[in-house]
């Protein structure tokens, strides 16, 4: 497996791949000062001709950056699911997606491409996660939640059942969301409220 990105997020993905018995052979990164990540060589900027038969994962947590890089990649994309994650056999997982240690993905969940389901997060039955979503550590999506593309559900947040969270949203860490959220919104709090110019809107 190849990785794009030599940050802390890449360390976790490398850990997942080791646990799966899939070594990382090299990492691409745009920072010329990065030469190693642990024992893994950082070989420089992306090269389509480097090990072209190897699958690649984009090891970058920021959704928009992950999206931009994905448009440039000519390698096929892999997936990574830690052995401690519980993924129901009826769930579907898109290419480029990473499911981290202790995460749970329940029956008939639909997880798109290049999604991150981070450490200890829970995605319950019939949820739909669009491409380039990030479900941060410890977040909980109750049943039949839909999350739009490039949305971040922050660490420890809870999304109540049967809600739709729009595209390009930020759900701040520790929020409890009890109503659907339109595209492009930032919300925080318990219950979560819309943020405008750093002020909560009642």
Protein backbone atom coordinates (compact mmCIF):
# COMPACT_ATOMS: atom_id res chain seq x y z
CA UNK A 1 0.00 0.00 0.00
CA UNK A 2 1.08 3.57 -0.72
CA UNK A 3 0.07 6.60 1.32
CA UNK A 4 -0.25 10.25 0.36
CA UNK A 5 0.51 12.42 3.40
CA UNK A 6 3.15 11.97 6.08
CA UNK A 7 1.41 13.34 9.17
CA UNK A 8 0.01 11.94 12.40
CA UNK A 9 -3.06 10.72 10.51
CA UNK A 10 -0.73 8.68 8.32
CA UNK A 11 0.80 7.09 11.43
CA UNK A 12 -2.62 5.77 12.42
CA UNK A 13 -3.37 4.48 8.93
CA UNK A 14 0.02 2.76 8.84
CA UNK A 15 -0.86 1.14 12.17
CA UNK A 16 -4.15 -0.13 10.71
CA UNK A 17 -2.39 -1.55 7.67
CA UNK A 18 0.21 -3.32 9.83
CA UNK A 19 -2.59 -4.91 11.81
CA UNK A 20 -4.13 -6.04 8.50
CA UNK A 21 -0.82 -7.52 7.36
CA UNK A 22 -0.47 -4.91 4.59
CA UNK A 23 2.83 -3.04 4.83
CA UNK A 24 3.19 0.53 3.61
CA UNK A 25 5.93 0.57 1.00
CA UNK A 26 6.25 4.35 0.55
CA UNK A 27 4.62 7.69 1.32
CA UNK A 28 4.16 10.71 -0.94
CA UNK A 29 4.18 14.18 0.59
CA UNK A 30 4.44 17.68 -0.85
CA UNK A 31 6.77 18.85 1.96
CA UNK A 32 10.35 18.30 0.74
CA UNK A 33 11.70 18.30 4.30
CA UNK A 34 9.86 15.08 5.16
CA UNK A 35 12.04 12.05 4.52
CA UNK A 36 10.75 9.37 6.91
CA UNK A 37 7.63 8.50 8.88
CA UNK A 38 8.90 5.99 11.40
CA UNK A 39 10.52 3.30 9.31
CA UNK A 40 8.64 4.25 6.12
CA UNK A 41 10.39 6.28 3.42
CA UNK A 42 8.79 9.51 2.22
CA UNK A 43 9.66 9.56 -1.49
CA UNK A 44 8.58 13.12 -2.32
CA UNK A 45 5.69 14.50 -4.31
CA UNK A 46 3.18 12.24 -6.00
CA UNK A 47 4.53 10.18 -8.90
CA UNK A 48 1.92 8.31 -10.97
CA UNK A 49 4.61 5.96 -12.29
CA UNK A 50 5.80 4.91 -8.78
CA UNK A 51 4.65 1.32 -8.10
CA UNK A 52 1.65 1.78 -10.39
CA UNK A 53 0.09 -1.58 -9.45
CA UNK A 54 -0.03 -0.70 -5.73
CA UNK A 55 -3.20 0.71 -4.17
CA UNK A 56 -3.03 4.11 -2.46
CA UNK A 57 -4.76 5.78 0.48
CA UNK A 58 -4.89 9.53 1.03
CA UNK A 59 -3.70 9.92 4.62
CA UNK A 60 -4.99 13.46 5.18
CA UNK A 61 -7.76 14.26 7.65
CA UNK A 62 -8.92 17.57 6.15
CA UNK A 63 -11.89 16.77 3.90
CA UNK A 64 -11.43 19.46 1.23
CA UNK A 65 -7.71 18.71 0.88
CA UNK A 66 -8.43 14.98 0.60
CA UNK A 67 -10.96 15.76 -2.13
CA UNK A 68 -8.52 17.96 -4.08
CA UNK A 69 -5.77 15.36 -3.95
CA UNK A 70 -8.09 12.54 -5.01
CA UNK A 71 -8.72 14.30 -8.32
CA UNK A 72 -5.00 14.06 -9.16
CA UNK A 73 -4.36 10.42 -8.29
CA UNK A 74 -3.93 7.82 -11.01
CA UNK A 75 -3.31 4.84 -8.73
CA UNK A 76 -6.29 2.74 -7.73
CA UNK A 77 -7.49 3.39 -4.19
CA UNK A 78 -7.41 0.88 -1.37
CA UNK A 79 -9.37 0.67 1.86
CA UNK A 80 -8.21 0.12 5.44
CA UNK A 81 -10.34 -1.38 8.23
CA UNK A 82 -8.69 -2.11 11.57
CA UNK A 83 -9.33 -5.66 12.83
CA UNK A 84 -10.85 -4.24 16.03
CA UNK A 85 -13.53 -2.37 14.05
CA UNK A 86 -16.92 -4.05 13.80
CA UNK A 87 -18.37 -3.67 10.30
CA UNK A 88 -21.60 -5.52 9.56
CA UNK A 89 -21.47 -7.71 6.47
CA UNK A 90 -24.45 -5.83 5.00
CA UNK A 91 -22.65 -2.45 5.15
CA UNK A 92 -21.05 -1.09 1.98
CA UNK A 93 -17.67 0.66 2.13
CA UNK A 94 -16.37 2.87 -0.69
CA UNK A 95 -12.85 2.98 -2.06
CA UNK A 96 -10.30 5.09 -0.24
CA UNK A 97 -12.19 4.82 3.04
CA UNK A 98 -10.47 4.22 6.39
CA UNK A 99 -12.21 2.72 9.43
CA UNK A 100 -10.09 3.05 12.54
CA UNK A 101 -9.56 1.18 15.77
CA UNK A 102 -12.74 0.25 17.67
CA UNK A 103 -15.19 1.87 15.24
CA UNK A 104 -18.61 0.29 14.60
CA UNK A 105 -20.53 0.33 11.32
CA UNK A 106 -23.94 -1.28 11.63
CA UNK A 107 -26.36 -3.08 9.32
CA UNK A 108 -27.09 -1.60 5.89
CA UNK A 109 -24.96 1.49 6.45
CA UNK A 110 -23.68 3.01 3.22
CA UNK A 111 -20.23 4.58 3.49
CA UNK A 112 -18.97 6.52 0.49
CA UNK A 113 -15.53 7.05 -1.02
CA UNK A 114 -12.59 8.51 0.94
CA UNK A 115 -14.53 8.61 4.22
CA UNK A 116 -12.80 8.55 7.61
CA UNK A 117 -14.59 6.76 10.44
CA UNK A 118 -12.21 7.59 13.22
CA UNK A 119 -11.27 5.87 16.47
CA UNK A 120 -14.25 4.55 18.44
CA UNK A 121 -16.88 6.24 16.25
CA UNK A 122 -20.27 4.59 15.75
CA UNK A 123 -22.30 4.61 12.54
CA UNK A 124 -25.62 2.90 13.19
CA UNK A 125 -28.02 1.03 10.92
CA UNK A 126 -29.10 2.52 7.58
CA UNK A 127 -26.86 5.58 7.83
CA UNK A 128 -25.55 7.07 4.60
CA UNK A 129 -22.21 8.88 4.54
CA UNK A 130 -21.45 10.69 1.29
CA UNK A 131 -17.93 10.95 -0.14
CA UNK A 132 -15.11 12.67 1.80
CA UNK A 133 -16.97 12.75 5.14
CA UNK A 134 -15.00 12.57 8.41
CA UNK A 135 -16.64 11.09 11.51
CA UNK A 136 -14.21 12.10 14.27
CA UNK A 137 -13.17 10.00 17.30
CA UNK A 138 -15.99 8.93 19.58
CA UNK A 139 -18.78 10.48 17.51
CA UNK A 140 -22.12 8.66 17.36
CA UNK A 141 -24.51 8.60 14.42
CA UNK A 142 -27.81 7.05 15.43
CA UNK A 143 -29.89 5.10 12.93
CA UNK A 144 -30.84 6.39 9.46
CA UNK A 145 -28.69 9.53 9.54
CA UNK A 146 -27.43 10.97 6.26
CA UNK A 147 -24.25 13.07 6.16
CA UNK A 148 -23.43 15.13 3.07
CA UNK A 149 -20.13 15.31 1.25
CA UNK A 150 -17.07 16.86 2.97
CA UNK A 151 -18.85 17.30 6.31
CA UNK A 152 -16.92 16.88 9.56
CA UNK A 153 -18.79 15.44 12.54
CA UNK A 154 -16.58 16.47 15.46
CA UNK A 155 -15.19 14.31 18.23
CA UNK A 156 -17.74 13.08 20.76
CA UNK A 157 -20.73 14.51 18.89
CA UNK A 158 -24.08 12.75 18.81
CA UNK A 159 -26.46 12.90 15.84
CA UNK A 160 -30.04 11.87 16.73
CA UNK A 161 -31.87 9.34 14.52
CA UNK A 162 -33.43 10.07 11.13
CA UNK A 163 -31.67 13.39 10.53
CA UNK A 164 -29.95 14.81 7.46
CA UNK A 165 -26.69 16.74 7.89
CA UNK A 166 -25.89 18.75 4.77
CA UNK A 167 -22.74 18.93 2.70
CA UNK A 168 -19.69 21.00 3.76
CA UNK A 169 -20.89 21.30 7.37
CA UNK A 170 -18.91 21.41 10.61
CA UNK A 171 -20.46 19.79 13.65
CA UNK A 172 -18.28 21.04 16.51
CA UNK A 173 -16.83 18.58 18.99
CA UNK A 174 -19.22 17.48 21.72
CA UNK A 175 -22.36 18.75 19.97
CA UNK A 176 -25.72 17.02 20.27
CA UNK A 177 -27.66 17.45 17.02
CA UNK A 178 -31.43 17.00 17.31
CA UNK A 179 -32.63 18.55 14.03
CA UNK A 180 -31.51 18.37 10.41
CA UNK A 181 -28.81 20.80 9.27
CA UNK A 182 -28.68 22.44 5.81
CA UNK A 183 -25.59 22.59 3.60
CA UNK A 184 -22.62 24.73 4.60
CA UNK A 185 -23.49 25.23 8.28
CA UNK A 186 -21.40 25.21 11.44
CA UNK A 187 -23.21 24.12 14.59
CA UNK A 188 -22.18 23.52 18.17
CA UNK A 189 -23.64 22.97 21.60
CA UNK A 190 -26.08 20.78 23.47
CA UNK A 191 -28.48 20.95 21.73
CA UNK A 192 -26.51 22.11 18.71
CA UNK A 193 -27.23 25.61 17.39
CA UNK A 194 -26.18 27.40 14.25
CA UNK A 195 -23.04 29.57 14.47
CA UNK A 196 -22.88 32.85 12.54
CA UNK A 197 -19.84 35.12 12.91
CA UNK A 198 -18.88 33.22 16.07
CA UNK A 199 -22.29 33.89 17.65
CA UNK A 200 -24.92 31.28 18.34
CA UNK A 201 -28.27 31.77 16.62
CA UNK A 202 -31.27 30.84 18.76
